[in-house]
Amino acid sequence: MIATVLLIIITLFVPPIGVFLVAGCGADLLINILLTLLGYFPGHIHAFYVEYVYYKRRDEARAGIYDARPAAGVYSERVQNGGRGYGTMAATA
């Protein structure tokens, strides 16, 4: 809970750092840096969307729900899997 609040506060001030903490160094970070340079609010929207997808997927994985469809506009496997690692979540039939 405290980590989530700190992440939100960090994202409010510098959106690319929030994306880096959730998605790591990759396409999502580059997109967020470019959006933040183009306009501060587009960077915020993208950062909070990436964080929303990450926490939603993490909570679903903890509940045993697996959504095989990738989230639109998110390129990080870590975010797509909810931080569960690469390919460690088995699809349910």
Protein backbone atom coordinates (compact mmCIF):
# COMPACT_ATOMS: atom_id res chain seq x y z
CA MET A 1 0.00 0.00 0.00
CA ILE A 2 2.74 2.44 0.95
CA ALA A 3 4.74 1.47 -2.16
CA THR A 4 1.73 2.21 -4.34
CA VAL A 5 1.22 5.65 -2.77
CA LEU A 6 4.92 6.45 -3.22
CA LEU A 7 4.74 5.35 -6.85
CA ILE A 8 1.76 7.64 -7.44
CA ILE A 9 3.57 10.59 -5.83
CA ILE A 10 6.69 9.94 -7.92
CA THR A 11 4.59 9.67 -11.07
CA LEU A 12 2.86 12.97 -10.33
CA PHE A 13 6.18 14.78 -10.37
CA VAL A 14 8.18 12.81 -12.99
CA PRO A 15 6.07 10.36 -15.04
CA PRO A 16 9.00 8.52 -16.72
CA ILE A 17 10.41 7.47 -13.34
CA GLY A 18 7.08 5.90 -12.41
CA VAL A 19 7.03 3.98 -15.70
CA PHE A 20 10.64 2.89 -15.19
CA LEU A 21 9.84 1.54 -11.73
CA VAL A 22 6.95 -0.55 -13.07
CA ALA A 23 8.01 -1.50 -16.60
CA GLY A 24 11.80 -1.20 -16.53
CA CYS A 25 13.90 0.16 -19.36
CA GLY A 26 12.16 -0.51 -22.65
CA ALA A 27 9.66 0.73 -25.19
CA ASP A 28 7.15 1.91 -22.57
CA LEU A 29 9.78 4.11 -20.94
CA LEU A 30 10.85 5.59 -24.29
CA ILE A 31 7.23 6.30 -25.25
CA ASN A 32 6.61 7.94 -21.89
CA ILE A 33 9.71 10.12 -22.15
CA LEU A 34 8.62 11.30 -25.61
CA LEU A 35 5.05 11.95 -24.45
CA THR A 36 6.31 13.88 -21.42
CA LEU A 37 8.54 16.01 -23.67
CA LEU A 38 5.63 16.68 -26.01
CA GLY A 39 3.36 17.62 -23.15
CA TYR A 40 3.39 17.04 -19.45
CA PHE A 41 -0.19 15.72 -19.29
CA PRO A 42 0.13 13.10 -22.08
CA GLY A 43 3.09 11.68 -20.14
CA HIS A 44 0.92 11.48 -17.03
CA ILE A 45 -1.92 9.76 -18.84
CA HIS A 46 0.42 7.14 -20.30
CA ALA A 47 2.24 6.59 -16.99
CA PHE A 48 -0.93 6.09 -15.00
CA TYR A 49 -2.31 3.77 -17.70
CA VAL A 50 0.81 1.58 -17.58
CA GLU A 51 0.64 1.50 -13.78
CA TYR A 52 -3.08 0.69 -13.86
CA VAL A 53 -2.50 -2.26 -16.21
CA TYR A 54 0.37 -3.49 -14.05
CA TYR A 55 -1.59 -3.43 -10.79
CA LYS A 56 -4.74 -4.85 -12.43
CA ARG A 57 -2.82 -7.76 -13.92
CA ARG A 58 -0.95 -8.34 -10.65
CA ASP A 59 -4.18 -8.49 -8.65
CA GLU A 60 -5.80 -10.79 -11.22
CA ALA A 61 -2.79 -13.12 -11.13
CA ARG A 62 -3.01 -13.30 -7.35
CA ALA A 63 -6.69 -14.19 -7.64
CA GLY A 64 -5.91 -16.93 -10.15
CA ILE A 65 -7.38 -15.12 -13.14
CA TYR A 66 -5.32 -15.13 -16.34
CA ASP A 67 -6.12 -12.75 -19.18
CA ALA A 68 -4.24 -13.95 -22.26
CA ARG A 69 -5.10 -10.86 -24.29
CA PRO A 70 -2.33 -8.25 -24.18
CA ALA A 71 -3.29 -4.79 -22.96
CA ALA A 72 -3.33 -2.25 -25.77
CA GLY A 73 -0.43 0.18 -25.85
CA VAL A 74 1.69 -1.67 -23.28
CA TYR A 75 4.87 -3.29 -24.60
CA SER A 76 6.51 -4.51 -21.38
CA GLU A 77 6.13 -8.20 -20.61
CA ARG A 78 6.56 -7.37 -16.93
CA VAL A 79 3.47 -5.16 -17.02
CA GLN A 80 1.50 -7.61 -19.19
CA ASN A 81 2.17 -10.41 -16.68
CA GLY A 82 1.59 -8.30 -13.60
CA GLY A 83 5.20 -8.60 -12.48
CA ARG A 84 5.04 -12.40 -12.36
CA GLY A 85 8.04 -12.93 -14.67
CA TYR A 86 8.29 -14.16 -18.20
CA GLY A 87 5.98 -17.00 -19.05
CA THR A 88 5.49 -18.20 -15.49
CA MET A 89 1.70 -17.88 -15.54
CA ALA A 90 0.05 -20.91 -17.06
CA ALA A 91 -3.01 -20.28 -19.19
CA THR A 92 -6.20 -21.86 -17.93
CA ALA A 93 -8.31 -23.94 -20.28
